[in-house]
Structures are given as structure tokens and as C-alpha cells.
N, C-alpha and C. Protein backbone atom coordinates (compact mmCIF):
# COMPACT_ATOMS: atom_id res chain seq x y z
N MET A 1 3.42 19.50 -19.70
CA MET A 1 3.32 20.86 -21.01
C MET A 1 2.84 22.27 -20.01
N THR A 2 3.38 23.54 -20.53
CA THR A 2 2.47 24.67 -20.28
C THR A 2 2.35 25.33 -21.32
N LEU A 3 1.20 25.97 -20.87
CA LEU A 3 0.17 26.23 -21.31
C LEU A 3 -0.08 27.86 -22.15
N VAL A 4 0.08 28.46 -23.37
CA VAL A 4 -0.44 30.00 -23.05
C VAL A 4 -1.06 30.92 -21.94
N PRO A 5 -1.29 31.92 -21.50
CA PRO A 5 -1.95 32.68 -20.51
C PRO A 5 -3.20 32.68 -21.15
N GLU A 6 -3.47 32.49 -22.67
CA GLU A 6 -4.39 32.65 -23.54
C GLU A 6 -5.52 32.11 -23.10
N ASP A 7 -4.42 30.99 -24.15
CA ASP A 7 -5.36 28.96 -23.81
C ASP A 7 -5.25 28.36 -22.20
N GLU A 8 -4.39 29.30 -20.74
CA GLU A 8 -5.42 28.54 -19.15
C GLU A 8 -5.98 29.92 -19.30
N SER A 9 -5.80 31.07 -19.32
CA SER A 9 -7.40 31.35 -18.98
C SER A 9 -8.51 31.29 -20.25
N ARG A 10 -8.65 30.59 -21.38
CA ARG A 10 -10.19 29.64 -22.10
C ARG A 10 -10.62 28.59 -21.22
N LEU A 11 -9.47 27.23 -20.65
CA LEU A 11 -9.40 26.27 -20.62
C LEU A 11 -9.94 26.66 -18.26
N ILE A 12 -9.31 26.92 -17.43
CA ILE A 12 -9.90 27.83 -16.91
C ILE A 12 -11.48 28.70 -16.85
N SER A 13 -12.14 28.71 -17.69
CA SER A 13 -13.24 29.29 -17.58
C SER A 13 -13.92 28.15 -18.38
N PHE A 14 -13.98 27.39 -19.03
CA PHE A 14 -14.64 26.26 -19.44
C PHE A 14 -14.90 25.60 -18.37
N LEU A 15 -13.48 25.34 -17.85
CA LEU A 15 -14.02 24.47 -16.40
C LEU A 15 -14.96 25.28 -15.38
N TRP A 16 -14.98 26.20 -15.53
CA TRP A 16 -15.65 26.81 -14.05
C TRP A 16 -17.48 26.53 -14.58
N GLU A 17 -17.23 27.22 -16.18
CA GLU A 17 -18.85 27.01 -16.36
C GLU A 17 -19.47 25.35 -16.43
N ASN A 18 -19.00 24.68 -16.24
CA ASN A 18 -19.06 23.12 -15.93
C ASN A 18 -19.22 22.67 -15.38
N LYS A 19 -18.60 22.94 -13.53
CA LYS A 19 -18.45 22.43 -12.48
C LYS A 19 -18.99 21.98 -12.58
N ASP A 20 -20.94 22.14 -12.38
CA ASP A 20 -21.43 21.14 -12.63
C ASP A 20 -21.15 19.43 -12.86
N VAL A 21 -20.33 19.51 -13.52
CA VAL A 21 -20.30 17.96 -13.83
C VAL A 21 -19.25 17.05 -13.27
N PHE A 22 -18.36 17.60 -12.37
CA PHE A 22 -17.30 17.46 -12.32
C PHE A 22 -18.03 16.68 -10.47
N ALA A 23 -17.23 15.95 -10.39
CA ALA A 23 -17.51 14.99 -8.60
C ALA A 23 -16.56 16.03 -8.05
N TRP A 24 -17.02 16.54 -6.97
CA TRP A 24 -17.28 17.43 -5.79
C TRP A 24 -16.54 16.60 -3.81
N SER A 25 -17.38 15.82 -4.05
CA SER A 25 -17.12 15.26 -2.78
C SER A 25 -17.41 12.97 -3.40
N LEU A 26 -16.80 11.92 -3.20
CA LEU A 26 -17.77 11.22 -2.48
C LEU A 26 -18.08 10.20 -3.30
N ALA A 27 -19.77 11.59 -2.64
CA ALA A 27 -21.30 10.83 -3.29
C ALA A 27 -21.36 11.01 -4.19
N ASP A 28 -20.83 11.88 -4.91
CA ASP A 28 -21.24 12.58 -5.99
C ASP A 28 -21.02 11.56 -6.92
N MET A 29 -19.59 10.62 -6.67
CA MET A 29 -19.67 9.89 -7.80
C MET A 29 -20.68 8.25 -7.63
N LEU A 30 -21.46 8.37 -9.07
CA LEU A 30 -22.66 7.63 -8.03
C LEU A 30 -21.92 5.95 -8.81
N ARG A 31 -21.87 5.86 -9.11
CA ARG A 31 -21.33 4.82 -10.04
C ARG A 31 -20.23 3.77 -9.51
N ILE A 32 -19.20 4.49 -8.58
CA ILE A 32 -18.05 3.75 -7.40
C ILE A 32 -19.30 3.03 -6.50
N ASP A 33 -18.14 2.57 -5.75
CA ASP A 33 -18.78 2.57 -4.15
C ASP A 33 -17.41 3.42 -3.59
N GLN A 34 -18.77 3.85 -2.65
CA GLN A 34 -17.74 4.31 -1.30
C GLN A 34 -16.36 3.42 -1.37
N ASP A 35 -16.43 2.28 -0.49
CA ASP A 35 -16.17 1.46 0.13
C ASP A 35 -14.87 1.37 -0.68
N PHE A 36 -14.50 1.16 -2.43
CA PHE A 36 -13.54 0.98 -2.60
C PHE A 36 -12.88 2.37 -3.22
N GLN A 37 -13.97 3.81 -2.80
CA GLN A 37 -13.18 4.80 -2.44
C GLN A 37 -11.97 5.20 -1.89
N CYS A 38 -12.55 4.67 -0.53
CA CYS A 38 -11.75 4.68 0.93
C CYS A 38 -11.10 3.68 0.98
N HIS A 39 -10.89 2.63 0.30
CA HIS A 39 -9.70 1.94 0.07
C HIS A 39 -8.02 2.10 -0.79
N HIS A 40 -8.71 3.26 -1.77
CA HIS A 40 -7.87 4.09 -2.51
C HIS A 40 -7.36 4.85 -1.54
N LEU A 41 -7.40 5.14 -1.14
CA LEU A 41 -7.57 6.71 0.02
C LEU A 41 -7.18 6.20 1.01
N SER A 42 -7.43 5.36 1.26
CA SER A 42 -5.74 4.28 1.90
C SER A 42 -4.68 3.83 1.63
N ILE A 43 -4.87 2.98 0.69
CA ILE A 43 -3.18 3.21 0.17
C ILE A 43 -2.80 3.87 -0.29
N SER A 44 -3.47 5.58 -1.07
CA SER A 44 -2.43 6.20 -0.98
C SER A 44 -1.62 6.67 -0.14
N LEU A 45 -2.54 7.07 0.72
CA LEU A 45 -1.36 7.43 2.11
C LEU A 45 -0.91 6.56 2.51
N GLY A 46 -0.66 5.48 2.86
CA GLY A 46 0.26 4.11 2.68
C GLY A 46 1.45 4.41 1.86
N TYR A 47 1.67 4.66 0.87
CA TYR A 47 2.02 4.11 -0.27
C TYR A 47 3.09 5.69 -0.65
N ARG A 48 2.12 6.50 -0.55
CA ARG A 48 3.06 7.67 0.07
C ARG A 48 4.21 8.15 0.70
N LYS A 49 3.80 7.54 2.52
CA LYS A 49 4.72 7.67 3.00
C LYS A 49 6.38 5.99 2.86
N LEU A 50 5.94 5.87 2.56
CA LEU A 50 6.31 4.29 2.31
C LEU A 50 7.92 5.03 1.12
N LEU A 51 6.89 5.67 -0.06
CA LEU A 51 7.58 6.89 -1.64
C LEU A 51 8.79 6.95 -0.66
N ALA A 52 7.86 8.17 0.23
CA ALA A 52 8.25 9.12 0.42
C ALA A 52 9.76 9.03 1.89
N ALA A 53 10.05 8.28 2.13
CA ALA A 53 10.76 7.05 3.04
C ALA A 53 12.10 6.24 2.81
N GLY A 54 11.49 6.10 1.21
CA GLY A 54 12.76 5.18 0.41
C GLY A 54 12.95 4.03 0.39
N LEU A 55 11.60 3.41 1.26
CA LEU A 55 11.16 2.60 2.03
C LEU A 55 10.92 1.45 0.20
N ILE A 56 10.32 2.71 -0.15
CA ILE A 56 9.91 1.65 -1.73
C ILE A 56 9.73 2.15 -3.16
N ARG A 57 9.97 1.88 -4.67
CA ARG A 57 9.96 2.86 -5.62
C ARG A 57 9.48 2.09 -6.93
N GLU A 58 8.58 2.27 -7.48
CA GLU A 58 7.70 2.77 -8.39
C GLU A 58 8.72 1.75 -9.10
N ILE A 59 8.27 0.93 -10.07
CA ILE A 59 8.98 -0.07 -10.68
C ILE A 59 8.01 0.20 -12.72
N PRO A 60 8.64 -0.39 -13.56
CA PRO A 60 7.37 0.18 -14.92
C PRO A 60 7.42 -1.36 -14.60
N TYR A 61 7.45 -2.05 -14.61
CA TYR A 61 7.12 -3.69 -15.28
C TYR A 61 6.41 -4.38 -13.89
N PRO A 62 5.67 -5.21 -14.14
CA PRO A 62 4.58 -6.14 -13.38
C PRO A 62 4.70 -7.50 -12.97
N THR A 63 6.59 -8.22 -13.32
CA THR A 63 6.72 -9.42 -13.66
C THR A 63 6.61 -10.24 -12.71
N TRP A 64 7.05 -9.66 -11.21
CA TRP A 64 6.47 -10.00 -10.22
C TRP A 64 6.38 -8.92 -9.13
N LEU A 65 4.68 -9.26 -9.92
CA LEU A 65 4.57 -7.39 -9.01
C LEU A 65 4.27 -8.98 -7.51
N ALA A 66 3.87 -7.73 -6.10
CA ALA A 66 3.68 -7.76 -5.30
C ALA A 66 1.67 -7.52 -5.31
N ASN A 67 1.09 -7.80 -4.64
CA ASN A 67 -0.47 -7.06 -5.33
C ASN A 67 -0.23 -6.59 -3.32
N VAL A 68 -0.54 -5.40 -3.88
CA VAL A 68 -1.07 -4.62 -2.30
C VAL A 68 -2.53 -5.39 -1.86
N VAL A 69 -2.84 -5.27 -0.67
CA VAL A 69 -4.30 -6.10 0.43
C VAL A 69 -4.40 -4.59 1.07
N ILE A 70 -6.19 -4.42 1.11
CA ILE A 70 -6.93 -3.69 2.64
C ILE A 70 -6.48 -4.51 3.91
N VAL A 71 -6.64 -4.27 4.57
CA VAL A 71 -7.04 -4.89 5.61
C VAL A 71 -7.38 -4.45 6.91
N ARG A 72 -8.76 -3.85 7.95
CA ARG A 72 -9.21 -3.80 8.58
C ARG A 72 -8.47 -3.91 10.40
N LYS A 73 -7.88 -3.21 11.23
CA LYS A 73 -7.39 -3.14 11.65
C LYS A 73 -8.65 -3.54 12.72
N ALA A 74 -8.65 -3.27 14.12
CA ALA A 74 -9.04 -3.94 15.06
C ALA A 74 -9.09 -2.48 15.59
N ASN A 75 -9.12 -1.27 15.63
CA ASN A 75 -9.65 0.14 15.56
C ASN A 75 -10.23 0.16 14.25
N GLY A 76 -10.35 -0.43 13.78
CA GLY A 76 -11.58 -0.55 12.51
C GLY A 76 -10.67 0.97 11.91
N LYS A 77 -9.10 1.09 11.85
CA LYS A 77 -8.71 1.64 10.72
C LYS A 77 -8.21 0.66 9.41
N TRP A 78 -7.43 1.02 8.22
CA TRP A 78 -7.22 0.32 7.44
C TRP A 78 -5.61 0.28 7.61
N ARG A 79 -5.14 -0.80 7.42
CA ARG A 79 -4.20 -1.05 7.37
C ARG A 79 -3.12 -1.77 5.44
N MET A 80 -2.21 -1.21 5.23
CA MET A 80 -1.71 -1.60 3.57
C MET A 80 -1.06 -2.86 4.04
N CYS A 81 -1.43 -3.58 3.28
CA CYS A 81 -0.63 -5.12 3.68
C CYS A 81 -0.05 -5.69 2.12
N THR A 82 1.16 -6.60 1.29
CA THR A 82 1.83 -6.98 0.61
C THR A 82 1.62 -8.17 0.92
N ASP A 83 0.69 -8.49 -0.42
CA ASP A 83 0.48 -10.14 -0.10
C ASP A 83 1.18 -10.96 -2.30
N TYR A 84 3.06 -11.83 -1.15
CA TYR A 84 3.65 -11.83 -1.41
C TYR A 84 3.81 -13.57 -2.52
N THR A 85 1.77 -13.95 -1.99
CA THR A 85 1.46 -16.01 -2.76
C THR A 85 2.17 -15.64 -4.11
N ASP A 86 2.45 -14.37 -5.26
CA ASP A 86 2.38 -15.08 -6.64
C ASP A 86 4.23 -14.67 -6.43
N LEU A 87 5.30 -14.08 -6.05
CA LEU A 87 6.08 -13.50 -5.58
C LEU A 87 6.73 -15.16 -4.65
N ASN A 88 5.97 -15.22 -4.06
CA ASN A 88 6.51 -16.81 -3.15
C ASN A 88 6.49 -17.43 -4.36
N LYS A 89 5.69 -17.82 -5.00
CA LYS A 89 5.48 -19.23 -5.45
C LYS A 89 6.45 -19.16 -7.03
N ALA A 90 6.70 -17.36 -7.67
CA ALA A 90 8.31 -17.68 -8.57
C ALA A 90 9.46 -17.89 -7.76
N CYS A 91 9.85 -17.70 -7.22
CA CYS A 91 10.30 -18.39 -5.72
C CYS A 91 10.92 -19.29 -6.07
N PRO A 92 12.21 -19.88 -5.86
CA PRO A 92 13.36 -21.42 -5.45
C PRO A 92 12.73 -21.69 -3.78
N LYS A 93 12.38 -22.82 -4.15
CA LYS A 93 12.69 -22.87 -2.95
C LYS A 93 13.68 -23.40 -1.90
N ASP A 94 13.58 -23.67 0.10
CA ASP A 94 15.32 -24.07 -0.14
C ASP A 94 15.54 -25.07 0.33
N PRO A 95 16.80 -24.58 0.00
CA PRO A 95 17.40 -27.05 0.19
C PRO A 95 17.23 -27.20 1.56
N TYR A 96 17.61 -26.09 2.71
CA TYR A 96 17.22 -27.35 4.02
C TYR A 96 15.81 -26.37 4.76
N PRO A 97 15.71 -27.41 6.36
CA PRO A 97 13.97 -27.22 6.69
C PRO A 97 14.42 -26.01 7.25
N LEU A 98 13.24 -25.07 7.36
CA LEU A 98 12.47 -23.81 8.55
C LEU A 98 12.88 -25.18 10.39
N PRO A 99 13.72 -23.72 11.03
CA PRO A 99 13.98 -24.65 12.42
C PRO A 99 12.89 -25.23 13.25
N ASN A 100 12.45 -25.47 13.77
CA ASN A 100 11.94 -26.00 14.80
C ASN A 100 11.43 -25.48 15.63
N ILE A 101 10.34 -25.26 16.77
CA ILE A 101 10.32 -24.42 17.39
C ILE A 101 11.15 -24.32 18.62
N ASP A 102 10.75 -26.69 18.65
CA ASP A 102 11.36 -26.56 19.93
C ASP A 102 13.45 -26.76 20.01
N TRP A 103 14.14 -26.61 18.42
CA TRP A 103 14.98 -26.20 18.42
C TRP A 103 15.30 -24.88 18.49
N LEU A 104 14.71 -24.03 18.00
CA LEU A 104 14.29 -22.52 19.01
C LEU A 104 14.45 -22.21 20.23
N VAL A 105 13.22 -22.47 21.33
CA VAL A 105 13.41 -22.92 22.43
C VAL A 105 14.32 -23.48 23.42
N ASP A 106 14.99 -23.95 22.60
CA ASP A 106 16.52 -24.45 23.01
C ASP A 106 17.31 -23.88 23.57
N GLY A 107 18.02 -23.62 21.94
CA GLY A 107 19.10 -22.40 21.64
C GLY A 107 18.13 -21.20 23.10
N ALA A 108 17.62 -20.79 22.50
CA ALA A 108 17.44 -19.57 23.80
C ALA A 108 17.75 -20.26 25.27
N SER A 109 17.62 -21.31 25.64
CA SER A 109 18.40 -21.48 27.54
C SER A 109 19.38 -21.37 27.90
N GLY A 110 18.82 -20.63 28.92
CA GLY A 110 20.71 -21.26 29.24
C GLY A 110 21.17 -19.29 29.06
N PHE A 111 20.21 -18.06 28.70
CA PHE A 111 21.21 -16.69 29.02
C PHE A 111 20.27 -16.54 29.24
N ALA A 112 20.93 -15.41 29.80
CA ALA A 112 19.72 -14.47 30.86
C ALA A 112 18.98 -13.82 30.31
N LEU A 113 19.62 -12.72 29.35
CA LEU A 113 18.24 -11.81 28.47
C LEU A 113 17.82 -12.74 26.82
N LEU A 114 16.01 -12.44 26.76
CA LEU A 114 16.06 -13.29 25.47
C LEU A 114 14.86 -11.78 25.32
N SER A 115 15.39 -11.57 23.71
CA SER A 115 14.81 -9.89 23.47
C SER A 115 13.59 -10.95 22.15
N PHE A 116 12.34 -10.22 22.64
CA PHE A 116 12.11 -10.32 21.02
C PHE A 116 11.05 -9.22 20.44
N MET A 117 11.75 -8.87 19.08
CA MET A 117 11.39 -8.28 18.25
C MET A 117 10.50 -6.96 17.31
N ASP A 118 9.58 -6.63 16.73
CA ASP A 118 8.64 -6.03 16.41
C ASP A 118 8.92 -5.37 15.14
N ALA A 119 9.08 -5.42 13.69
CA ALA A 119 9.17 -4.05 12.96
C ALA A 119 7.65 -3.46 13.06
N TYR A 120 8.65 -2.22 12.85
CA TYR A 120 7.57 -1.76 12.33
C TYR A 120 6.45 -1.08 11.60
N SER A 121 5.43 -1.03 11.77
CA SER A 121 4.59 -1.66 10.24
C SER A 121 5.17 -2.58 9.74
N GLY A 122 4.91 -3.83 10.48
CA GLY A 122 6.03 -4.79 10.13
C GLY A 122 5.18 -5.52 8.19
N TYR A 123 4.69 -5.09 8.30
CA TYR A 123 3.35 -5.49 7.27
C TYR A 123 4.00 -5.65 5.49
N ASN A 124 5.02 -4.59 5.36
CA ASN A 124 5.30 -4.55 4.41
C ASN A 124 7.29 -4.18 4.29
């Protein structure tokens, strides 16, 4: 929606006249826990990066929702992770067993090279 110049000017004047009622920092938001706001900022940065890269997209329905959780990393920063618990409960179980670690080790024996791969930011 676009305002006509006269209404835009009136709105800006009104906002400037009442600028003391707006919060300009986290400390100004008296009833909002600052730790909660830091989590919100961490999520915002993380999801914007993933959205811009085309790795995730917004959906208009929460039927199969995987919740985002924030986990503190060893260096003190926050990592955005996805909790697939509810989604996993709704998925059918595989009719075959997962491979045993002994089978995996035996299968890798006899080869000259062995590679372990780690996904970049592999929590999402």
C-alpha cells in the first residue's frame, strides 16, 4: 500500500512526535527477556541465509512442521538446528534394519582409501 505524499508526511510527523514510546534497543523492551531476543536474532540470520540460498522455503501450512531450536556452540555462538521429532513420529518406519557398525567396518576393509564426509552446517 502506498500513501499519498500528504498522508506520508503526517505519518512521519506523528511518529517523530511520539518517538519516545518506541523501543530503540533490546534494553528498551522492558517485558521481553533479552535472551529470547538474542535467540530470535540468531534464527533470523540463520534462516535468511538458508532462504536466500534456496535451501529452504516458507510454507503456508503447519501440518508437517519441524521446529527450529537454538543450541549454544562450544565457541559461545548460537547454532540454528531443526527438531524433526514430530515429523519422524508421523513417518512410516523402514521395514528393514539399519546397518550394524560391524557390517560397515567389515564392508570398508580391504580398500586402500576410506573417506568420511561432513556436511557444511549439517544440522539443517
